[in-house]
């Protein structure tokens, strides 16, 4: 499916949600080469992703995700999204060290 999707995207057409989900499913299952993955992501970005394409890819990734079962009930996530180009100081790593130093494991 990835070859067909690439042809469609390069021609300027959008993928349906189901098509995007199928392609990302192939990627997540290791059925696509690194070159195909790079071409797919680059072509999709150059065309401009649609909401349906993003949703389809997200569905496939969620279905392939490994469930995390922590031993403790309380979790803290200090990661921000980053990469937005706005230039603020990224304090996430510092927060992780401070929290660990305070005994939060």
PDB file of N, CA and C in Angstrom:
ATOM      1  N   UNK A   1       0.816  -1.207   0.000  1.00  0.00           N
ATOM      2  CA  UNK A   1       0.000   0.000   0.000  1.00  0.00           C
ATOM      3  C   UNK A   1       0.858   1.268   0.000  1.00  0.00           C
ATOM      4  N   UNK A   2       2.057   1.195   0.557  1.00  0.00           N
ATOM      5  CA  UNK A   2       2.863   2.411   0.663  1.00  0.00           C
ATOM      6  C   UNK A   2       3.236   2.953  -0.715  1.00  0.00           C
ATOM      7  N   UNK A   3       3.500   2.079  -1.674  1.00  0.00           N
ATOM      8  CA  UNK A   3       3.847   2.542  -3.025  1.00  0.00           C
ATOM      9  C   UNK A   3       2.661   3.263  -3.664  1.00  0.00           C
ATOM     10  N   UNK A   4       1.474   2.705  -3.498  1.00  0.00           N
ATOM     11  CA  UNK A   4       0.268   3.335  -4.048  1.00  0.00           C
ATOM     12  C   UNK A   4       0.009   4.678  -3.366  1.00  0.00           C
ATOM     13  N   UNK A   5       0.220   4.718  -2.058  1.00  0.00           N
ATOM     14  CA  UNK A   5       0.013   5.960  -1.314  1.00  0.00           C
ATOM     15  C   UNK A   5       0.999   7.031  -1.759  1.00  0.00           C
ATOM     16  N   UNK A   6       2.250   6.644  -1.975  1.00  0.00           N
ATOM     17  CA  UNK A   6       3.252   7.602  -2.453  1.00  0.00           C
ATOM     18  C   UNK A   6       2.863   8.179  -3.803  1.00  0.00           C
ATOM     19  N   UNK A   7       2.403   7.319  -4.699  1.00  0.00           N
ATOM     20  CA  UNK A   7       1.974   7.786  -6.023  1.00  0.00           C
ATOM     21  C   UNK A   7       0.841   8.794  -5.887  1.00  0.00           C
ATOM     22  N   UNK A   8      -0.102   8.494  -5.010  1.00  0.00           N
ATOM     23  CA  UNK A   8      -1.254   9.375  -4.804  1.00  0.00           C
ATOM     24  C   UNK A   8      -0.822  10.720  -4.211  1.00  0.00           C
ATOM     25  N   UNK A   9       0.040  10.669  -3.209  1.00  0.00           N
ATOM     26  CA  UNK A   9       0.487  11.899  -2.548  1.00  0.00           C
ATOM     27  C   UNK A   9       1.314  12.763  -3.493  1.00  0.00           C
ATOM     28  N   UNK A  10       2.241  12.140  -4.221  1.00  0.00           N
ATOM     29  CA  UNK A  10       3.104  12.887  -5.140  1.00  0.00           C
ATOM     30  C   UNK A  10       2.284  13.565  -6.230  1.00  0.00           C
ATOM     31  N   UNK A  11       1.152  12.970  -6.594  1.00  0.00           N
ATOM     32  CA  UNK A  11       0.286  13.586  -7.604  1.00  0.00           C
ATOM     33  C   UNK A  11      -0.540  14.732  -7.019  1.00  0.00           C
ATOM     34  N   UNK A  12      -0.414  14.944  -5.701  1.00  0.00           N
ATOM     35  CA  UNK A  12      -1.117  16.050  -5.060  1.00  0.00           C
ATOM     36  C   UNK A  12      -2.440  15.674  -4.443  1.00  0.00           C
ATOM     37  N   UNK A  13      -2.776  14.391  -4.471  1.00  0.00           N
ATOM     38  CA  UNK A  13      -4.047  13.941  -3.903  1.00  0.00           C
ATOM     39  C   UNK A  13      -3.885  13.606  -2.424  1.00  0.00           C
ATOM     40  N   UNK A  14      -4.975  13.741  -1.697  1.00  0.00           N
ATOM     41  CA  UNK A  14      -4.982  13.409  -0.279  1.00  0.00           C
ATOM     42  C   UNK A  14      -5.313  11.933  -0.087  1.00  0.00           C
ATOM     43  N   UNK A  15      -4.800  11.359   0.995  1.00  0.00           N
ATOM     44  CA  UNK A  15      -5.173  10.008   1.372  1.00  0.00           C
ATOM     45  C   UNK A  15      -6.442  10.065   2.213  1.00  0.00           C
ATOM     46  N   UNK A  16      -7.237   9.017   2.143  1.00  0.00           N
ATOM     47  CA  UNK A  16      -8.365   8.915   3.059  1.00  0.00           C
ATOM     48  C   UNK A  16      -7.814   8.530   4.426  1.00  0.00           C
ATOM     49  N   UNK A  17      -8.638   8.639   5.448  1.00  0.00           N
ATOM     50  CA  UNK A  17      -8.209   8.233   6.776  1.00  0.00           C
ATOM     51  C   UNK A  17      -7.829   6.752   6.779  1.00  0.00           C
ATOM     52  N   UNK A  18      -8.621   5.937   6.096  1.00  0.00           N
ATOM     53  CA  UNK A  18      -8.354   4.496   6.036  1.00  0.00           C
ATOM     54  C   UNK A  18      -7.035   4.202   5.321  1.00  0.00           C
ATOM     55  N   UNK A  19      -6.755   4.928   4.249  1.00  0.00           N
ATOM     56  CA  UNK A  19      -5.495   4.728   3.520  1.00  0.00           C
ATOM     57  C   UNK A  19      -4.295   5.108   4.381  1.00  0.00           C
ATOM     58  N   UNK A  20      -4.397   6.253   5.051  1.00  0.00           N
ATOM     59  CA  UNK A  20      -3.302   6.703   5.912  1.00  0.00           C
ATOM     60  C   UNK A  20      -3.073   5.704   7.041  1.00  0.00           C
ATOM     61  N   UNK A  21      -4.157   5.187   7.593  1.00  0.00           N
ATOM     62  CA  UNK A  21      -4.052   4.197   8.670  1.00  0.00           C
ATOM     63  C   UNK A  21      -3.379   2.925   8.167  1.00  0.00           C
ATOM     64  N   UNK A  22      -3.734   2.493   6.968  1.00  0.00           N
ATOM     65  CA  UNK A  22      -3.139   1.282   6.404  1.00  0.00           C
ATOM     66  C   UNK A  22      -1.641   1.460   6.164  1.00  0.00           C
ATOM     67  N   UNK A  23      -1.268   2.600   5.600  1.00  0.00           N
ATOM     68  CA  UNK A  23       0.152   2.860   5.342  1.00  0.00           C
ATOM     69  C   UNK A  23       0.931   2.907   6.654  1.00  0.00           C
ATOM     70  N   UNK A  24       0.425   3.642   7.625  1.00  0.00           N
ATOM     71  CA  UNK A  24       1.134   3.735   8.901  1.00  0.00           C
ATOM     72  C   UNK A  24       1.161   2.380   9.596  1.00  0.00           C
ATOM     73  N   UNK A  25       0.125   1.587   9.421  1.00  0.00           N
ATOM     74  CA  UNK A  25       0.128   0.232   9.973  1.00  0.00           C
ATOM     75  C   UNK A  25       1.253  -0.600   9.390  1.00  0.00           C
ATOM     76  N   UNK A  26       1.465  -0.482   8.079  1.00  0.00           N
ATOM     77  CA  UNK A  26       2.573  -1.192   7.430  1.00  0.00           C
ATOM     78  C   UNK A  26       3.916  -0.723   7.985  1.00  0.00           C
ATOM     79  N   UNK A  27       4.026   0.581   8.178  1.00  0.00           N
ATOM     80  CA  UNK A  27       5.265   1.135   8.729  1.00  0.00           C
ATOM     81  C   UNK A  27       5.492   0.604  10.144  1.00  0.00           C
ATOM     82  N   UNK A  28       4.463   0.636  10.966  1.00  0.00           N
ATOM     83  CA  UNK A  28       4.586   0.201  12.352  1.00  0.00           C
ATOM     84  C   UNK A  28       4.878  -1.291  12.464  1.00  0.00           C
ATOM     85  N   UNK A  29       4.442  -2.068  11.485  1.00  0.00           N
ATOM     86  CA  UNK A  29       4.660  -3.522  11.500  1.00  0.00           C
ATOM     87  C   UNK A  29       5.982  -3.918  10.843  1.00  0.00           C
ATOM     88  N   UNK A  30       6.768  -2.931  10.427  1.00  0.00           N
ATOM     89  CA  UNK A  30       8.074  -3.214   9.844  1.00  0.00           C
ATOM     90  C   UNK A  30       8.022  -3.700   8.407  1.00  0.00           C
ATOM     91  N   UNK A  31       6.927  -3.416   7.701  1.00  0.00           N
ATOM     92  CA  UNK A  31       6.769  -3.880   6.326  1.00  0.00           C
ATOM     93  C   UNK A  31       7.270  -2.881   5.292  1.00  0.00           C
ATOM     94  N   UNK A  32       7.737  -1.719   5.739  1.00  0.00           N
ATOM     95  CA  UNK A  32       8.229  -0.684   4.822  1.00  0.00           C
ATOM     96  C   UNK A  32       9.722  -0.487   5.048  1.00  0.00           C
ATOM     97  N   UNK A  33      10.427  -0.173   3.975  1.00  0.00           N
ATOM     98  CA  UNK A  33      11.858   0.106   4.095  1.00  0.00           C
ATOM     99  C   UNK A  33      12.058   1.510   4.656  1.00  0.00           C
ATOM    100  N   UNK A  34      13.265   1.781   5.116  1.00  0.00           N
ATOM    101  CA  UNK A  34      13.566   3.125   5.610  1.00  0.00           C
ATOM    102  C   UNK A  34      13.394   4.158   4.503  1.00  0.00           C
ATOM    103  N   UNK A  35      13.765   3.796   3.285  1.00  0.00           N
ATOM    104  CA  UNK A  35      13.609   4.714   2.151  1.00  0.00           C
ATOM    105  C   UNK A  35      12.133   5.005   1.899  1.00  0.00           C
ATOM    106  N   UNK A  36      11.288   3.987   1.986  1.00  0.00           N
ATOM    107  CA  UNK A  36       9.852   4.190   1.783  1.00  0.00           C
ATOM    108  C   UNK A  36       9.264   5.068   2.882  1.00  0.00           C
ATOM    109  N   UNK A  37       9.693   4.827   4.104  1.00  0.00           N
ATOM    110  CA  UNK A  37       9.194   5.631   5.222  1.00  0.00           C
ATOM    111  C   UNK A  37       9.593   7.092   5.035  1.00  0.00           C
ATOM    112  N   UNK A  38      10.858   7.324   4.698  1.00  0.00           N
ATOM    113  CA  UNK A  38      11.329   8.686   4.471  1.00  0.00           C
ATOM    114  C   UNK A  38      10.602   9.362   3.329  1.00  0.00           C
ATOM    115  N   UNK A  39      10.390   8.622   2.246  1.00  0.00           N
ATOM    116  CA  UNK A  39       9.683   9.179   1.090  1.00  0.00           C
ATOM    117  C   UNK A  39       8.242   9.509   1.450  1.00  0.00           C
ATOM    118  N   UNK A  40       7.592   8.624   2.192  1.00  0.00           N
ATOM    119  CA  UNK A  40       6.195   8.842   2.591  1.00  0.00           C
ATOM    120  C   UNK A  40       6.069  10.089   3.455  1.00  0.00           C
ATOM    121  N   UNK A  41       6.889  10.180   4.489  1.00  0.00           N
ATOM    122  CA  UNK A  41       6.797  11.324   5.393  1.00  0.00           C
ATOM    123  C   UNK A  41       7.164  12.632   4.701  1.00  0.00           C
ATOM    124  N   UNK A  42       8.177  12.592   3.845  1.00  0.00           N
ATOM    125  CA  UNK A  42       8.582  13.796   3.116  1.00  0.00           C
ATOM    126  C   UNK A  42       7.502  14.237   2.141  1.00  0.00           C
ATOM    127  N   UNK A  43       6.965  13.293   1.380  1.00  0.00           N
ATOM    128  CA  UNK A  43       5.917  13.625   0.406  1.00  0.00           C
ATOM    129  C   UNK A  43       4.677  14.158   1.104  1.00  0.00           C
ATOM    130  N   UNK A  44       4.314  13.531   2.215  1.00  0.00           N
ATOM    131  CA  UNK A  44       3.136  13.973   2.965  1.00  0.00           C
ATOM    132  C   UNK A  44       3.335  15.393   3.481  1.00  0.00           C
ATOM    133  N   UNK A  45       4.520  15.670   3.995  1.00  0.00           N
ATOM    134  CA  UNK A  45       4.811  17.009   4.517  1.00  0.00           C
ATOM    135  C   UNK A  45       4.834  18.046   3.401  1.00  0.00           C
ATOM    136  N   UNK A  46       5.416  17.690   2.261  1.00  0.00           N
ATOM    137  CA  UNK A  46       5.488  18.637   1.144  1.00  0.00           C
ATOM    138  C   UNK A  46       4.098  18.942   0.588  1.00  0.00           C
ATOM    139  N   UNK A  47       3.229  17.939   0.559  1.00  0.00           N
ATOM    140  CA  UNK A  47       1.858  18.140   0.082  1.00  0.00           C
ATOM    141  C   UNK A  47       1.061  18.936   1.101  1.00  0.00           C
ATOM    142  N   UNK A  48       1.351  18.656   2.360  1.00  0.00           N
ATOM    143  CA  UNK A  48       0.576  19.247   3.448  1.00  0.00           C
ATOM    144  C   UNK A  48      -0.393  18.208   3.980  1.00  0.00           C
ATOM    145  N   UNK A  49      -0.236  17.861   5.244  1.00  0.00           N
ATOM    146  CA  UNK A  49      -1.051  16.815   5.834  1.00  0.00           C
ATOM    147  C   UNK A  49      -2.475  17.299   6.065  1.00  0.00           C
ATOM    148  N   UNK A  50      -3.438  16.415   5.830  1.00  0.00           N
ATOM    149  CA  UNK A  50      -4.831  16.729   6.141  1.00  0.00           C
ATOM    150  C   UNK A  50      -5.159  16.161   7.517  1.00  0.00           C
ATOM    151  N   UNK A  51      -6.265  16.617   8.081  1.00  0.00           N
ATOM    152  CA  UNK A  51      -6.706  16.095   9.378  1.00  0.00           C
ATOM    153  C   UNK A  51      -6.963  14.596   9.290  1.00  0.00           C
ATOM    154  N   UNK A  52      -7.560  14.138   8.190  1.00  0.00           N
ATOM    155  CA  UNK A  52      -7.828  12.708   8.025  1.00  0.00           C
ATOM    156  C   UNK A  52      -6.541  11.898   7.949  1.00  0.00           C
ATOM    157  N   UNK A  53      -5.532  12.422   7.279  1.00  0.00           N
ATOM    158  CA  UNK A  53      -4.254  11.713   7.180  1.00  0.00           C
ATOM    159  C   UNK A  53      -3.583  11.605   8.546  1.00  0.00           C
ATOM    160  N   UNK A  54      -3.599  12.690   9.286  1.00  0.00           N
ATOM    161  CA  UNK A  54      -3.005  12.677  10.624  1.00  0.00           C
ATOM    162  C   UNK A  54      -3.772  11.729  11.535  1.00  0.00           C
ATOM    163  N   UNK A  55      -5.101  11.786  11.473  1.00  0.00           N
ATOM    164  CA  UNK A  55      -5.923  10.911  12.316  1.00  0.00           C
ATOM    165  C   UNK A  55      -5.706   9.443  11.973  1.00  0.00           C
ATOM    166  N   UNK A  56      -5.634   9.121  10.689  1.00  0.00           N
ATOM    167  CA  UNK A  56      -5.404   7.738  10.279  1.00  0.00           C
ATOM    168  C   UNK A  56      -4.059   7.219  10.755  1.00  0.00           C
ATOM    169  N   UNK A  57      -3.032   8.040  10.604  1.00  0.00           N
ATOM    170  CA  UNK A  57      -1.699   7.648  11.078  1.00  0.00           C
ATOM    171  C   UNK A  57      -1.696   7.479  12.597  1.00  0.00           C
ATOM    172  N   UNK A  58      -2.352   8.392  13.297  1.00  0.00           N
ATOM    173  CA  UNK A  58      -2.406   8.314  14.762  1.00  0.00           C
ATOM    174  C   UNK A  58      -3.130   7.053  15.219  1.00  0.00           C
ATOM    175  N   UNK A  59      -4.213   6.693  14.539  1.00  0.00           N
ATOM    176  CA  UNK A  59      -4.936   5.470  14.900  1.00  0.00           C
ATOM    177  C   UNK A  59      -4.032   4.251  14.781  1.00  0.00           C
ATOM    178  N   UNK A  60      -3.294   4.169  13.686  1.00  0.00           N
ATOM    179  CA  UNK A  60      -2.395   3.026  13.479  1.00  0.00           C
ATOM    180  C   UNK A  60      -1.300   2.990  14.538  1.00  0.00           C
ATOM    181  N   UNK A  61      -0.758   4.154  14.885  1.00  0.00           N
ATOM    182  CA  UNK A  61       0.293   4.190  15.903  1.00  0.00           C
ATOM    183  C   UNK A  61      -0.249   3.783  17.266  1.00  0.00           C
ATOM    184  N   UNK A  62      -1.456   4.252  17.602  1.00  0.00           N
ATOM    185  CA  UNK A  62      -2.051   3.865  18.888  1.00  0.00           C
ATOM    186  C   UNK A  62      -2.311   2.368  18.951  1.00  0.00           C
ATOM    187  N   UNK A  63      -2.759   1.797  17.834  1.00  0.00           N
ATOM    188  CA  UNK A  63      -3.028   0.359  17.805  1.00  0.00           C
ATOM    189  C   UNK A  63      -1.744  -0.462  17.931  1.00  0.00           C
ATOM    190  N   UNK A  64      -0.619   0.099  17.520  1.00  0.00           N
ATOM    191  CA  UNK A  64       0.664  -0.606  17.588  1.00  0.00           C
ATOM    192  C   UNK A  64       1.443  -0.303  18.863  1.00  0.00           C
ATOM    193  N   UNK A  65       0.949   0.632  19.648  1.00  0.00           N
ATOM    194  CA  UNK A  65       1.674   1.057  20.845  1.00  0.00           C
ATOM    195  C   UNK A  65       1.734  -0.063  21.881  1.00  0.00           C
ATOM    196  N   UNK A  66       2.812  -0.087  22.608  1.00  0.00           N
ATOM    197  CA  UNK A  66       2.980  -1.046  23.695  1.00  0.00           C
ATOM    198  C   UNK A  66       2.446  -0.403  24.969  1.00  0.00           C
ATOM    199  N   UNK A  67       1.550  -1.097  25.637  1.00  0.00           N
ATOM    200  CA  UNK A  67       0.976  -0.569  26.867  1.00  0.00           C
ATOM    201  C   UNK A  67       2.022  -0.594  27.975  1.00  0.00           C
ATOM    202  N   UNK A  68       2.129   0.512  28.673  1.00  0.00           N
ATOM    203  CA  UNK A  68       3.066   0.621  29.783  1.00  0.00           C
ATOM    204  C   UNK A  68       2.292   0.377  31.072  1.00  0.00           C
ATOM    205  N   UNK A  69       2.772  -0.556  31.870  1.00  0.00           N
ATOM    206  CA  UNK A  69       2.141  -0.861  33.157  1.00  0.00           C
ATOM    207  C   UNK A  69       3.152  -0.557  34.267  1.00  0.00           C
ATOM    208  N   UNK A  70       3.112   0.671  34.780  1.00  0.00           N
ATOM    209  CA  UNK A  70       4.082   1.050  35.809  1.00  0.00           C
ATOM    210  C   UNK A  70       3.822   0.328  37.130  1.00  0.00           C
ATOM    211  N   UNK A  71       4.882   0.169  37.910  1.00  0.00           N
ATOM    212  CA  UNK A  71       4.760  -0.476  39.213  1.00  0.00           C
ATOM    213  C   UNK A  71       4.169   0.472  40.245  1.00  0.00           C
ATOM    214  N   UNK A  72       4.278   1.771  39.989  1.00  0.00           N
ATOM    215  CA  UNK A  72       3.723   2.770  40.895  1.00  0.00           C
ATOM    216  C   UNK A  72       2.514   3.417  40.238  1.00  0.00           C
ATOM    217  N   UNK A  73       1.589   3.889  41.069  1.00  0.00           N
ATOM    218  CA  UNK A  73       0.359   4.494  40.550  1.00  0.00           C
ATOM    219  C   UNK A  73       0.534   5.952  40.155  1.00  0.00           C
ATOM    220  N   UNK A  74       1.551   6.606  40.672  1.00  0.00           N
ATOM    221  CA  UNK A  74       1.736   8.031  40.405  1.00  0.00           C
ATOM    222  C   UNK A  74       2.875   8.205  39.407  1.00  0.00           C
ATOM    223  N   UNK A  75       2.589   8.870  38.305  1.00  0.00           N
ATOM    224  CA  UNK A  75       3.596   9.137  37.280  1.00  0.00           C
ATOM    225  C   UNK A  75       3.682  10.633  37.029  1.00  0.00           C
ATOM    226  N   UNK A  76       4.856  11.083  36.662  1.00  0.00           N
ATOM    227  CA  UNK A  76       5.061  12.481  36.311  1.00  0.00           C
ATOM    228  C   UNK A  76       5.737  12.527  34.949  1.00  0.00           C
ATOM    229  N   UNK A  77       5.212  13.347  34.065  1.00  0.00           N
ATOM    230  CA  UNK A  77       5.796  13.525  32.738  1.00  0.00           C
ATOM    231  C   UNK A  77       6.332  14.946  32.658  1.00  0.00           C
ATOM    232  N   UNK A  78       7.628  15.079  32.490  1.00  0.00           N
ATOM    233  CA  UNK A  78       8.226  16.418  32.446  1.00  0.00           C
ATOM    234  C   UNK A  78       8.537  16.880  31.030  1.00  0.00           C
ATOM    235  N   UNK A  79       8.136  16.111  30.046  1.00  0.00           N
ATOM    236  CA  UNK A  79       8.491  16.453  28.664  1.00  0.00           C
ATOM    237  C   UNK A  79       7.502  17.426  28.057  1.00  0.00           C
ATOM    238  N   UNK A  80       8.034  18.420  27.387  1.00  0.00           N
ATOM    239  CA  UNK A  80       7.220  19.336  26.609  1.00  0.00           C
ATOM    240  C   UNK A  80       7.235  18.901  25.162  1.00  0.00           C
ATOM    241  N   UNK A  81       6.490  19.594  24.338  1.00  0.00           N
ATOM    242  CA  UNK A  81       6.449  19.234  22.924  1.00  0.00           C
ATOM    243  C   UNK A  81       7.702  19.700  22.204  1.00  0.00           C
ATOM    244  N   UNK A  82       8.220  20.853  22.570  1.00  0.00           N
ATOM    245  CA  UNK A  82       9.449  21.360  21.955  1.00  0.00           C
ATOM    246  C   UNK A  82       9.340  21.527  20.454  1.00  0.00           C
ATOM    247  N   UNK A  83      10.381  22.049  19.879  1.00  0.00           N
ATOM    248  CA  UNK A  83      10.451  22.168  18.432  1.00  0.00           C
ATOM    249  C   UNK A  83       9.509  23.166  17.801  1.00  0.00           C
ATOM    250  N   UNK A  84       8.897  24.026  18.597  1.00  0.00           N
ATOM    251  CA  UNK A  84       7.952  24.975  18.008  1.00  0.00           C
ATOM    252  C   UNK A  84       8.633  26.225  17.468  1.00  0.00           C
ATOM    253  N   UNK A  85       9.927  26.344  17.720  1.00  0.00           N
ATOM    254  CA  UNK A  85      10.676  27.460  17.159  1.00  0.00           C
ATOM    255  C   UNK A  85      10.497  28.774  17.884  1.00  0.00           C
ATOM    256  N   UNK A  86       9.769  28.780  19.006  1.00  0.00           N
ATOM    257  CA  UNK A  86       9.528  30.045  19.695  1.00  0.00           C
ATOM    258  C   UNK A  86      10.724  30.489  20.534  1.00  0.00           C
ATOM    259  N   UNK A  87      11.669  29.569  20.801  1.00  0.00           N
ATOM    260  CA  UNK A  87      12.915  29.946  21.445  1.00  0.00           C
ATOM    261  C   UNK A  87      12.940  30.037  22.955  1.00  0.00           C
ATOM    262  N   UNK A  88      11.934  29.566  23.706  1.00  0.00           N
ATOM    263  CA  UNK A  88      12.040  29.670  25.160  1.00  0.00           C
ATOM    264  C   UNK A  88      13.026  28.635  25.710  1.00  0.00           C
ATOM    265  N   UNK A  89      13.462  28.850  26.932  1.00  0.00           N
ATOM    266  CA  UNK A  89      14.353  27.910  27.602  1.00  0.00           C
ATOM    267  C   UNK A  89      13.597  26.608  27.846  1.00  0.00           C
ATOM    268  N   UNK A  90      14.208  25.474  27.495  1.00  0.00           N
ATOM    269  CA  UNK A  90      13.598  24.166  27.721  1.00  0.00           C
ATOM    270  C   UNK A  90      13.986  23.700  29.113  1.00  0.00           C
ATOM    271  N   UNK A  91      13.031  23.733  30.012  1.00  0.00           N
ATOM    272  CA  UNK A  91      13.325  23.416  31.407  1.00  0.00           C
ATOM    273  C   UNK A  91      13.009  21.969  31.765  1.00  0.00           C
ATOM    274  N   UNK A  92      12.464  21.204  30.829  1.00  0.00           N
ATOM    275  CA  UNK A  92      12.024  19.834  31.115  1.00  0.00           C
ATOM    276  C   UNK A  92      13.116  18.968  31.731  1.00  0.00           C
ATOM    277  N   UNK A  93      14.313  18.991  31.177  1.00  0.00           N
ATOM    278  CA  UNK A  93      15.401  18.159  31.695  1.00  0.00           C
ATOM    279  C   UNK A  93      15.800  18.602  33.095  1.00  0.00           C
ATOM    280  N   UNK A  94      15.875  19.901  33.318  1.00  0.00           N
ATOM    281  CA  UNK A  94      16.205  20.421  34.646  1.00  0.00           C
ATOM    282  C   UNK A  94      15.164  19.991  35.665  1.00  0.00           C
ATOM    283  N   UNK A  95      13.902  20.058  35.293  1.00  0.00           N
ATOM    284  CA  UNK A  95      12.818  19.642  36.184  1.00  0.00           C
ATOM    285  C   UNK A  95      12.973  18.176  36.566  1.00  0.00           C
ATOM    286  N   UNK A  96      13.357  17.335  35.615  1.00  0.00           N
ATOM    287  CA  UNK A  96      13.542  15.911  35.900  1.00  0.00           C
ATOM    288  C   UNK A  96      14.631  15.708  36.951  1.00  0.00           C
ATOM    289  N   UNK A  97      15.756  16.443  36.838  1.00  0.00           N
ATOM    290  CA  UNK A  97      16.835  16.316  37.820  1.00  0.00           C
ATOM    291  C   UNK A  97      16.398  16.826  39.193  1.00  0.00           C
ATOM    292  N   UNK A  98      15.702  17.940  39.229  1.00  0.00           N
ATOM    293  CA  UNK A  98      15.235  18.502  40.500  1.00  0.00           C
ATOM    294  C   UNK A  98      14.244  17.551  41.163  1.00  0.00           C
ATOM    295  N   UNK A  99      13.313  17.013  40.385  1.00  0.00           N
ATOM    296  CA  UNK A  99      12.324  16.079  40.935  1.00  0.00           C
ATOM    297  C   UNK A  99      13.004  14.822  41.471  1.00  0.00           C
ATOM    298  N   UNK A 100      13.973  14.299  40.734  1.00  0.00           N
ATOM    299  CA  UNK A 100      14.699  13.109  41.193  1.00  0.00           C
ATOM    300  C   UNK A 100      15.486  13.420  42.464  1.00  0.00           C
ATOM    301  N   UNK A 101      16.095  14.598  42.515  1.00  0.00           N
ATOM    302  CA  UNK A 101      16.840  15.005  43.704  1.00  0.00           C
ATOM    303  C   UNK A 101      15.945  15.168  44.921  1.00  0.00           C
ATOM    304  N   UNK A 102      14.675  15.481  44.674  1.00  0.00           N
ATOM    305  CA  UNK A 102      13.717  15.641  45.762  1.00  0.00           C
ATOM    306  C   UNK A 102      13.101  14.308  46.181  1.00  0.00           C
ATOM    307  N   UNK A 103      13.531  13.232  45.530  1.00  0.00           N
ATOM    308  CA  UNK A 103      13.046  11.915  45.924  1.00  0.00           C
ATOM    309  C   UNK A 103      11.932  11.353  45.070  1.00  0.00           C
ATOM    310  N   UNK A 104      11.511  12.079  44.060  1.00  0.00           N
ATOM    311  CA  UNK A 104      10.479  11.571  43.158  1.00  0.00           C
ATOM    312  C   UNK A 104      11.149  10.634  42.164  1.00  0.00           C
ATOM    313  N   UNK A 105      10.790   9.384  42.217  1.00  0.00           N
ATOM    314  CA  UNK A 105      11.432   8.398  41.337  1.00  0.00           C
ATOM    315  C   UNK A 105      10.528   8.007  40.198  1.00  0.00           C
TER     316      UNK A 105
END
